[in-house]
Every structure is written in C-alpha cells, then in structure tokens.
Amino acid sequence: MTQPIPRPDPGVSAAIPLPGASRRRQGTDLVDQASRLAIIGLFAMALVVAAVQARYFLVPVTAAMIVGLTLGPTVDWLGRWRIRSYLASTLLIVLIGMLLYALYLTLAIPLDNWARRLPEVWDKLAVHLRAIRAPLDRLEEVSREMEQGAGGDSGQVAVKVEETTMVTTFVMMAPPLIAQFMLFGATLFFFLANRTRLRTGLLMLCLTRDARLKSARIIRDTEYLLSRYVAWISLVNIALGIVTGFAMYLLDMPSPALWGALATIFNFIPYLGPATLMVILVGVGSVTFDGLLYALSPALVFFCINFLEGQIITPAVLGQRLTLNPFVVFLTLGFCLWVWGPVGAFVAVPFLLIGAVAGNHLRPRRPGPSTAVVGTTIPRARKVRKPARAEPARSPGR
C-alpha cells in the first residue's frame, strides 16, 4: 500500500518567512515613512506661505492672543476681587494704551530730531570708515577702467531722487497701522473677556478624557510660563534701560533717556535687538565725538552692559524657572523675522515657549522630577496629600 503524503500544517507554513519577504516589507515601510514625511513637508510649506500671505491679519491677531495668554493670570487675580472679566479686560487695555502713549511721547521728538540728522550721521561715518573703504574704492576704479577699455559707456546717468519726509511716510503708513492696532485691541479685549468660554469650548472638542486633561495642562502651563517670563524679562529690560541711560548720561551723549528706552525695547528681541542698537550708537557717537575711539565708546559701553545682563543677570534670574537653547532661539527668531518682520521678532520667544509646552505634554513621559523641553524646565504641579483619617478611639474595656 502506498503511504499518503503528509500535508504541511497551515499554521507552521504561515510562520515560515518566504524568501525576500522581509526585504519587501522593509521597502514598504520606507515608502510609507517617506510619503508621510512628504505630506508633512507639503503641509508645513503651505502653512508658511499662508502665514506670509495673511500676515496683515495674522500678525495683530497672533500678537493679541499671546498678550492675552500672558495677561490671563492677571484677569484671574482681578476676578478674585469680584471684578468681572469684561471690566478687567477694559482696565488692562486702557493701561496698555496709556503705556504706549507715554512711550510715544518719550520717543517721538528725539527720534524725529535724529532722523533729520541722518545725512550728517552718514557723512561722519564715511569719514571714520574711509580707511576701510579705500580697498573698495580701488576695486571700483579698476572695474571702471576695465569698462572703459571694453568700450562701455563711462558717462554718468543722472538720477533724480525725491526727498520723502517722515510726515509723508507716516501719512502713507497710518491707515494700515491704525487698522492693525484696532484689530489688535479688539482681539485682545474679546480674548481676555471670554477666556473661560474659549477654554471650555476647546476642551469640549476633545473626544477623550485623556485629551481633555492634556489640553487643560497645556493651557495652564502656557499661561504660567508666558506670564512669568514676560514679567521677569520686563523687569530685567527696564533695569537694563535705566543703567544704559545713566551710562549714556555719564558719557555726555545727547538724549540719554532715548537710548535707555531703546535699550529696553530692543532687548526684547534676542541677539538682533542689541546688535541693532549698537549700530545706532556707533552712528550717534560718530556725530557727537571726534576720533574713532571716542565715537565707538557708547557702543562699547552698551556692549559691556548687555554682556553682563545676558551672561550673568538674566541666567541668575531665570535659571531655575526658564532656560532656552540659544541655537533654537536664534533659528526661531530668524524664521519669525523672515515671515512677519519686526513683530515676528517680538513673538518668536513666546512661540518657542508655546511649542515647548505642547511638545512637553504630547511626547511620551519619562521618569524624573521635572520635564525638560528644548532646554525649558517646567515645574510640575505639586500633589496635595490628603490628611489621614483619625481612627475612632477605643474604649479601655474593649
């Protein structure tokens, strides 16, 4: 009799990998990952293009929301004194308007005077930089001689330059600026007045309890970090402006209060703000003092003050509360400046803080006393221990 041929067990045959199956699976996984990265990249590019095209609307709205998140704890504090959110929002917006008007009164007249002296500043800088420009002038002469030898037209072309005053520039820029300020004020008012409703509506969009808890923690930590960061940085920058103004007064610089105020404002922009003020001080020093060393003295003094503030004072104040990676800050600053201009430079660090908080709560947890994101240490909320229940006293007879 012929023995029947045993059939292989279907479970065993399925477990045996076929030749080349693992390679095909790896190739499929790589294609899936590449397609996902491509979709994410296209979405990011579309988002950047939309942000650039809609900057006249997004800049005041985004700035108002960031300021609203910063002032949120203040509205809550006023609410403890039975001040309604609408009244608290009105008081804060009036206070901000008064501060901006005082800043305008401080800076308007000195800035207008120095704007009129820009040609004089440029002439003085040209005199001081003549030694540096000498090689460039020589290269220009060589290029001109080469053009003449090649038969090029060496005649000068008369160019008519129309002078534009600051008044004309302000009149041309006033309508869009006023519209953006009105949009900023209205957005800030309604955001502060309806914070609780907005937060409740945002949490109701979350489908699971875990998602609602994460969203609530993100909002809480964002307000916590932004409010404390802005408060401490404002105090440090005001102190820096006072010290800078006093130093400019000792150097016999004209309008020392102006340079102190500009130091306070520009220091809110990391790296680029102090560098811009140093360039301005070089130009003003060249007009005020004779000699290259004396002309550079205001900028050198401000560099020393800013170096001490950035390397010693600010890390000592914010070291235990907030630390940011300088490389990430610089990249974020450059990107926001490219997309939204000067206002983007002001909101770069708050954007980084918001992204740090969101990434901190959305990524998988790691064991440790605190959670670090992009160099940012966010303290966790302390757990409140429940008091132990007192056991009933037993009678001696039992």
Protein backbone atom coordinates (compact mmCIF):
# COMPACT_ATOMS: atom_id res chain seq x y z
CA MET A 1 0.00 0.00 0.00
CA THR A 2 1.16 3.46 -0.75
CA GLN A 3 1.63 5.76 2.18
CA PRO A 4 -0.34 9.03 1.98
CA ILE A 5 1.77 12.12 1.55
CA PRO A 6 1.60 14.18 4.74
CA ARG A 7 0.27 17.65 4.22
CA PRO A 8 2.07 20.53 5.92
CA ASP A 9 0.40 22.21 8.86
CA PRO A 10 -1.06 25.54 7.65
CA GLY A 11 -0.02 27.26 10.90
CA VAL A 12 3.58 26.10 10.52
CA SER A 13 3.80 27.10 6.85
CA ALA A 14 2.46 30.56 7.61
CA ALA A 15 5.15 31.08 10.23
CA ILE A 16 8.00 30.27 7.80
CA PRO A 17 9.09 33.54 6.08
CA LEU A 18 9.27 33.40 2.33
CA PRO A 19 12.49 34.41 0.60
CA GLY A 20 12.64 38.19 0.11
CA ALA A 21 9.51 38.89 2.18
CA SER A 22 11.41 40.82 4.88
CA ARG A 23 13.09 42.98 2.24
CA ARG A 24 9.79 43.80 0.59
CA ARG A 25 8.30 44.63 3.99
CA GLN A 26 11.20 46.97 4.81
CA GLY A 27 10.85 48.65 1.44
CA THR A 28 7.13 49.15 2.02
CA ASP A 29 7.82 50.66 5.46
CA LEU A 30 10.39 53.04 3.99
CA VAL A 31 7.93 54.14 1.29
CA ASP A 32 5.23 54.72 3.91
CA GLN A 33 7.59 56.80 6.07
CA ALA A 34 8.79 58.81 3.07
CA SER A 35 5.21 59.51 1.98
CA ARG A 36 4.29 60.66 5.50
CA LEU A 37 7.31 62.96 5.66
CA ALA A 38 6.44 64.34 2.22
CA ILE A 39 2.86 65.09 3.30
CA ILE A 40 4.10 66.78 6.48
CA GLY A 41 6.62 68.82 4.47
CA LEU A 42 3.99 69.96 1.97
CA PHE A 43 1.65 70.93 4.81
CA ALA A 44 4.44 72.93 6.50
CA MET A 45 5.27 74.73 3.25
CA ALA A 46 1.60 75.57 2.65
CA LEU A 47 1.32 76.81 6.25
CA VAL A 48 4.35 79.11 5.83
CA VAL A 49 3.00 80.51 2.54
CA ALA A 50 -0.41 81.12 4.15
CA ALA A 51 1.27 82.87 7.11
CA VAL A 52 3.21 85.16 4.76
CA GLN A 53 0.21 85.99 2.58
CA ALA A 54 -2.15 86.64 5.53
CA ARG A 55 0.40 88.48 7.71
CA TYR A 56 -1.62 91.72 7.84
CA PHE A 57 -4.39 89.79 9.58
CA LEU A 58 -2.41 87.12 11.45
CA VAL A 59 0.22 89.43 12.96
CA PRO A 60 -2.14 91.56 15.12
CA VAL A 61 -4.39 88.59 15.95
CA THR A 62 -1.50 86.34 16.98
CA ALA A 63 0.17 89.12 18.97
CA ALA A 64 -3.12 89.80 20.76
CA MET A 65 -3.58 86.14 21.66
CA ILE A 66 -0.03 85.89 23.02
CA VAL A 67 -0.54 89.04 25.09
CA GLY A 68 -3.88 87.60 26.23
CA LEU A 69 -2.23 84.38 27.40
CA THR A 70 0.34 86.49 29.23
CA LEU A 71 -2.31 88.63 30.96
CA GLY A 72 -4.61 85.67 31.71
CA PRO A 73 -3.39 85.17 35.30
CA THR A 74 -3.86 88.91 35.90
CA VAL A 75 -7.50 88.67 34.82
CA ASP A 76 -7.95 85.70 37.15
CA TRP A 77 -6.39 87.67 40.00
CA LEU A 78 -8.75 90.58 39.37
CA GLY A 79 -11.62 88.10 39.28
CA ARG A 80 -10.86 87.12 42.87
CA TRP A 81 -11.69 90.70 43.83
CA ARG A 82 -15.10 90.28 42.15
CA ILE A 83 -14.11 92.29 39.08
CA ARG A 84 -15.84 90.84 36.03
CA SER A 85 -13.80 89.75 33.04
CA TYR A 86 -15.16 92.48 30.75
CA LEU A 87 -14.25 95.23 33.21
CA ALA A 88 -10.83 93.66 33.91
CA SER A 89 -10.14 93.43 30.17
CA THR A 90 -11.09 97.07 29.71
CA LEU A 91 -8.82 98.19 32.55
CA LEU A 92 -5.86 96.23 31.17
CA ILE A 93 -6.33 97.54 27.62
CA VAL A 94 -6.58 101.13 28.91
CA LEU A 95 -3.39 100.58 30.91
CA ILE A 96 -1.58 99.21 27.85
CA GLY A 97 -2.79 102.16 25.77
CA MET A 98 -1.50 104.63 28.37
CA LEU A 99 1.90 102.91 28.43
CA LEU A 100 2.13 103.00 24.63
CA TYR A 101 1.15 106.68 24.59
CA ALA A 102 3.78 107.50 27.22
CA LEU A 103 6.34 105.61 25.19
CA TYR A 104 5.33 107.59 22.11
CA LEU A 105 5.76 110.88 23.95
CA THR A 106 9.19 109.76 25.13
CA LEU A 107 10.49 108.65 21.75
CA ALA A 108 8.69 110.75 19.13
CA ILE A 109 10.56 114.07 19.38
CA PRO A 110 14.11 112.66 19.87
CA LEU A 111 13.63 110.14 17.07
CA ASP A 112 12.38 112.85 14.72
CA ASN A 113 15.40 115.03 15.53
CA TRP A 114 17.83 112.21 14.87
CA ALA A 115 16.01 111.24 11.69
CA ARG A 116 16.65 114.75 10.39
CA ARG A 117 20.35 114.33 11.16
CA LEU A 118 20.74 111.08 9.24
CA PRO A 119 22.74 112.70 6.39
CA GLU A 120 25.14 114.18 8.95
CA VAL A 121 25.49 110.81 10.65
CA TRP A 122 26.22 109.14 7.34
CA ASP A 123 28.87 111.73 6.43
CA LYS A 124 30.62 111.28 9.77
CA LEU A 125 30.56 107.51 9.38
CA ALA A 126 32.02 107.87 5.89
CA VAL A 127 34.89 109.90 7.34
CA HIS A 128 35.63 107.33 10.04
CA LEU A 129 35.34 104.41 7.64
CA ARG A 130 37.45 105.94 4.89
CA ALA A 131 40.36 103.63 5.70
CA ILE A 132 38.09 100.60 5.35
CA ARG A 133 36.55 101.88 2.14
CA ALA A 134 39.92 102.52 0.47
CA PRO A 135 40.30 98.94 -0.92
CA LEU A 136 36.70 99.02 -2.14
CA ASP A 137 37.30 102.35 -3.89
CA ARG A 138 40.35 100.87 -5.56
CA LEU A 139 38.33 97.92 -6.82
CA GLU A 140 35.71 100.32 -8.16
CA GLU A 141 38.37 102.26 -10.07
CA VAL A 142 39.75 99.05 -11.56
CA SER A 143 36.27 97.98 -12.68
CA ARG A 144 35.66 101.41 -14.19
CA GLU A 145 38.96 101.21 -16.14
CA MET A 146 38.01 97.75 -17.40
CA GLU A 147 34.64 99.06 -18.61
CA GLN A 148 36.32 101.95 -20.41
CA GLY A 149 38.80 99.55 -22.04
CA ALA A 150 35.93 97.32 -23.19
CA GLY A 151 34.18 100.29 -24.79
CA GLY A 152 31.46 100.62 -22.20
CA ASP A 153 29.62 103.85 -21.59
CA SER A 154 31.53 105.73 -18.90
CA GLY A 155 29.10 108.61 -18.75
CA GLN A 156 27.22 109.24 -15.59
CA VAL A 157 23.48 108.81 -15.54
CA ALA A 158 21.59 111.48 -13.71
CA VAL A 159 19.18 110.03 -11.22
CA LYS A 160 16.51 112.17 -9.70
CA VAL A 161 15.95 111.36 -6.05
CA GLU A 162 12.80 112.67 -4.50
CA GLU A 163 13.04 113.52 -0.84
CA THR A 164 10.41 111.99 1.40
CA THR A 165 9.89 113.39 4.85
CA MET A 166 8.84 111.46 7.92
CA VAL A 167 5.45 113.15 7.79
CA THR A 168 4.80 111.83 4.28
CA THR A 169 5.92 108.34 5.27
CA PHE A 170 3.70 108.39 8.37
CA VAL A 171 0.69 109.58 6.36
CA MET A 172 1.19 106.73 3.90
CA MET A 173 1.59 104.11 6.64
CA ALA A 174 -1.06 105.47 9.03
CA PRO A 175 -4.21 103.73 7.65
CA PRO A 176 -2.85 100.14 7.75
CA LEU A 177 -1.18 100.74 11.12
CA ILE A 178 -4.37 102.14 12.64
CA ALA A 179 -6.37 99.21 11.25
CA GLN A 180 -3.92 96.69 12.70
CA PHE A 181 -3.90 98.42 16.09
CA MET A 182 -7.70 98.38 16.17
CA LEU A 183 -7.72 94.68 15.24
CA PHE A 184 -5.12 94.01 17.94
CA GLY A 185 -7.13 95.86 20.61
CA ALA A 186 -10.44 94.23 19.70
CA THR A 187 -8.93 90.73 19.59
CA LEU A 188 -7.19 91.26 22.93
CA PHE A 189 -10.38 92.55 24.58
CA PHE A 190 -12.62 89.69 23.45
CA PHE A 191 -9.92 87.10 24.13
CA LEU A 192 -9.44 88.28 27.73
CA ALA A 193 -13.16 88.72 28.34
CA ASN A 194 -14.08 85.25 27.05
CA ARG A 195 -11.09 83.18 28.18
CA THR A 196 -13.17 80.80 30.25
CA ARG A 197 -15.68 80.15 27.47
CA LEU A 198 -12.93 79.69 24.90
CA ARG A 199 -11.12 77.24 27.15
CA THR A 200 -14.32 75.29 27.83
CA GLY A 201 -15.15 75.13 24.13
CA LEU A 202 -11.65 73.97 23.28
CA LEU A 203 -11.78 71.24 25.89
CA MET A 204 -15.20 70.10 24.68
CA LEU A 205 -13.71 69.46 21.23
CA CYS A 206 -11.51 66.76 22.76
CA LEU A 207 -13.18 63.37 22.49
CA THR A 208 -11.42 61.53 25.33
CA ARG A 209 -10.76 62.36 28.94
CA ASP A 210 -7.01 61.98 28.45
CA ALA A 211 -7.04 64.51 25.60
CA ARG A 212 -9.02 66.98 27.70
CA LEU A 213 -6.55 66.64 30.58
CA LYS A 214 -3.58 67.20 28.26
CA SER A 215 -5.19 70.25 26.66
CA ALA A 216 -6.01 71.75 30.07
CA ARG A 217 -2.45 71.21 31.24
CA ILE A 218 -1.03 72.77 28.05
CA ILE A 219 -3.15 75.90 28.54
CA ARG A 220 -2.27 76.10 32.23
CA ASP A 221 1.48 75.72 31.71
CA THR A 222 1.47 78.10 28.75
CA GLU A 223 -0.07 80.87 30.82
CA TYR A 224 2.26 80.04 33.70
CA LEU A 225 5.44 80.24 31.60
CA LEU A 226 4.45 83.23 29.47
CA SER A 227 3.29 85.38 32.38
CA ARG A 228 6.41 84.73 34.45
CA TYR A 229 8.78 85.00 31.51
CA VAL A 230 7.35 88.33 30.38
CA ALA A 231 7.26 89.67 33.96
CA TRP A 232 10.88 88.81 34.75
CA ILE A 233 12.22 89.80 31.33
CA SER A 234 10.36 93.13 31.54
CA LEU A 235 11.93 93.87 34.93
CA VAL A 236 15.40 92.94 33.65
CA ASN A 237 14.99 95.03 30.48
CA ILE A 238 13.73 98.05 32.42
CA ALA A 239 16.76 97.81 34.70
CA LEU A 240 18.98 97.49 31.62
CA GLY A 241 17.40 100.62 30.12
CA ILE A 242 17.93 102.61 33.31
CA VAL A 243 21.60 101.57 33.52
CA THR A 244 22.12 102.29 29.81
CA GLY A 245 20.54 105.74 30.07
CA PHE A 246 22.68 106.59 33.10
CA ALA A 247 25.82 105.39 31.29
CA MET A 248 24.97 107.49 28.22
CA TYR A 249 24.45 110.48 30.53
CA LEU A 250 27.91 109.95 32.03
CA LEU A 251 29.38 109.76 28.53
CA ASP A 252 27.72 113.12 27.73
CA MET A 253 25.58 111.60 24.96
CA PRO A 254 22.62 113.65 23.73
CA SER A 255 19.14 112.31 24.65
CA PRO A 256 20.25 109.68 27.18
CA ALA A 257 16.62 108.80 28.03
CA LEU A 258 16.06 107.88 24.37
CA TRP A 259 18.91 105.36 24.37
CA GLY A 260 17.72 103.88 27.66
CA ALA A 261 14.20 103.43 26.29
CA LEU A 262 15.52 101.90 23.06
CA ALA A 263 17.70 99.53 25.09
CA THR A 264 14.62 98.36 26.99
CA ILE A 265 12.58 97.82 23.81
CA PHE A 266 15.29 96.26 21.66
CA ASN A 267 16.36 93.84 24.38
CA PHE A 268 13.03 92.02 23.99
CA ILE A 269 14.48 90.78 20.66
CA PRO A 270 17.35 88.40 21.50
CA TYR A 271 20.65 88.98 19.72
CA LEU A 272 19.32 91.16 16.89
CA GLY A 273 17.90 93.91 19.10
CA PRO A 274 21.11 94.72 21.00
CA ALA A 275 23.13 94.46 17.77
CA THR A 276 20.83 96.99 16.08
CA LEU A 277 21.16 99.41 18.99
CA MET A 278 24.95 99.07 18.89
CA VAL A 279 24.95 100.10 15.22
CA ILE A 280 22.76 103.10 16.05
CA LEU A 281 25.07 104.12 18.91
CA VAL A 282 28.07 103.92 16.57
CA GLY A 283 26.38 106.40 14.21
CA VAL A 284 25.33 108.74 17.02
CA GLY A 285 28.78 108.55 18.61
CA SER A 286 30.42 109.46 15.31
CA VAL A 287 28.38 112.67 15.20
CA THR A 288 28.81 113.52 18.87
CA PHE A 289 32.53 112.81 19.41
CA ASP A 290 35.70 113.36 17.42
CA GLY A 291 38.00 110.43 16.86
CA LEU A 292 37.22 106.81 16.12
CA LEU A 293 37.79 105.53 19.67
CA TYR A 294 35.54 108.16 21.23
CA ALA A 295 32.90 107.51 18.56
CA LEU A 296 32.88 103.80 19.44
CA SER A 297 32.79 104.35 23.21
CA PRO A 298 28.93 104.44 23.57
CA ALA A 299 28.56 101.21 21.62
CA LEU A 300 31.36 99.53 23.61
CA VAL A 301 29.84 100.59 26.94
CA PHE A 302 26.43 99.27 25.91
CA PHE A 303 28.05 96.02 24.73
CA CYS A 304 29.60 95.53 28.18
CA ILE A 305 26.30 96.28 29.94
CA ASN A 306 24.37 93.93 27.65
CA PHE A 307 27.00 91.22 28.03
CA LEU A 308 26.73 91.33 31.81
CA GLU A 309 22.94 91.27 31.58
CA GLY A 310 22.82 88.37 29.13
CA GLN A 311 25.51 86.19 30.68
CA ILE A 312 25.10 86.84 34.42
CA ILE A 313 21.91 88.67 35.43
CA THR A 314 19.31 87.01 33.20
CA PRO A 315 20.55 83.42 33.80
CA ALA A 316 20.63 84.13 37.54
CA VAL A 317 17.03 85.40 37.47
CA LEU A 318 15.56 82.83 35.08
CA GLY A 319 17.95 79.94 35.67
CA GLN A 320 15.65 77.92 37.92
CA ARG A 321 12.47 78.94 36.12
CA LEU A 322 13.26 79.01 32.44
CA THR A 323 16.24 78.16 30.25
CA LEU A 324 16.18 78.21 26.46
CA ASN A 325 18.58 76.70 23.97
CA PRO A 326 20.33 79.67 22.27
CA PHE A 327 20.58 77.86 18.93
CA VAL A 328 16.85 77.09 18.86
CA VAL A 329 16.07 80.66 19.93
CA PHE A 330 18.21 82.07 17.12
CA LEU A 331 16.60 79.85 14.47
CA THR A 332 13.10 80.68 15.70
CA LEU A 333 13.95 84.38 15.75
CA GLY A 334 15.30 84.34 12.20
CA PHE A 335 12.30 82.40 10.88
CA CYS A 336 9.70 84.65 12.55
CA LEU A 337 11.59 87.74 11.41
CA TRP A 338 11.57 86.45 7.84
CA VAL A 339 7.86 85.58 7.90
CA TRP A 340 6.35 88.50 9.87
CA GLY A 341 9.03 91.18 10.11
CA PRO A 342 9.79 93.11 13.32
CA VAL A 343 6.63 91.93 15.09
CA GLY A 344 7.65 88.36 14.38
CA ALA A 345 10.92 89.00 16.19
CA PHE A 346 8.98 90.06 19.30
CA VAL A 347 6.73 86.98 19.29
CA ALA A 348 9.49 84.47 18.45
CA VAL A 349 10.35 83.51 22.03
CA PRO A 350 6.66 83.23 23.12
CA PHE A 351 6.08 80.96 20.11
CA LEU A 352 9.00 78.83 21.22
CA LEU A 353 7.61 78.61 24.74
CA ILE A 354 4.17 77.57 23.50
CA GLY A 355 5.71 74.91 21.26
CA ALA A 356 7.86 73.71 24.15
CA VAL A 357 4.86 73.31 26.44
CA ALA A 358 2.83 71.48 23.78
CA GLY A 359 5.71 69.16 22.94
CA ASN A 360 6.31 68.52 26.62
CA HIS A 361 2.78 67.22 27.18
CA LEU A 362 2.32 65.41 23.86
CA ARG A 363 5.50 63.36 23.86
CA PRO A 364 5.83 60.14 25.93
CA ARG A 365 6.59 60.69 29.58
CA ARG A 366 9.95 59.91 31.11
CA PRO A 367 10.61 59.31 34.78
CA GLY A 368 12.10 62.27 36.59
CA PRO A 369 11.29 65.13 38.92
CA SER A 370 10.73 67.59 36.06
CA THR A 371 10.13 67.58 32.33
CA ALA A 372 12.61 69.36 30.03
CA VAL A 373 11.68 70.63 26.59
CA VAL A 374 14.14 72.41 24.30
CA GLY A 375 16.13 73.37 27.35
CA THR A 376 13.00 74.55 29.18
CA THR A 377 12.31 73.27 32.69
CA ILE A 378 8.62 73.28 33.52
CA PRO A 379 7.80 72.56 37.14
CA ARG A 380 5.03 70.09 37.73
CA ALA A 381 2.08 70.79 39.92
CA ARG A 382 2.55 69.55 43.44
CA LYS A 383 0.28 66.79 44.63
CA VAL A 384 -1.79 67.66 47.66
CA ARG A 385 -1.70 64.92 50.22
CA LYS A 386 -4.99 64.09 51.82
CA PRO A 387 -4.94 64.15 55.62
CA ALA A 388 -5.07 60.76 57.25
CA ARG A 389 -8.37 59.84 58.73
CA ALA A 390 -8.36 59.71 62.52
CA GLU A 391 -9.29 56.30 63.85
CA PRO A 392 -12.06 56.24 66.46
CA ALA A 393 -10.75 55.95 69.98
CA ARG A 394 -11.31 52.56 71.53
CA SER A 395 -12.70 52.25 75.00
CA PRO A 396 -10.40 50.74 77.61
CA GLY A 397 -12.80 47.93 78.19
CA ARG A 398 -12.57 46.63 74.61
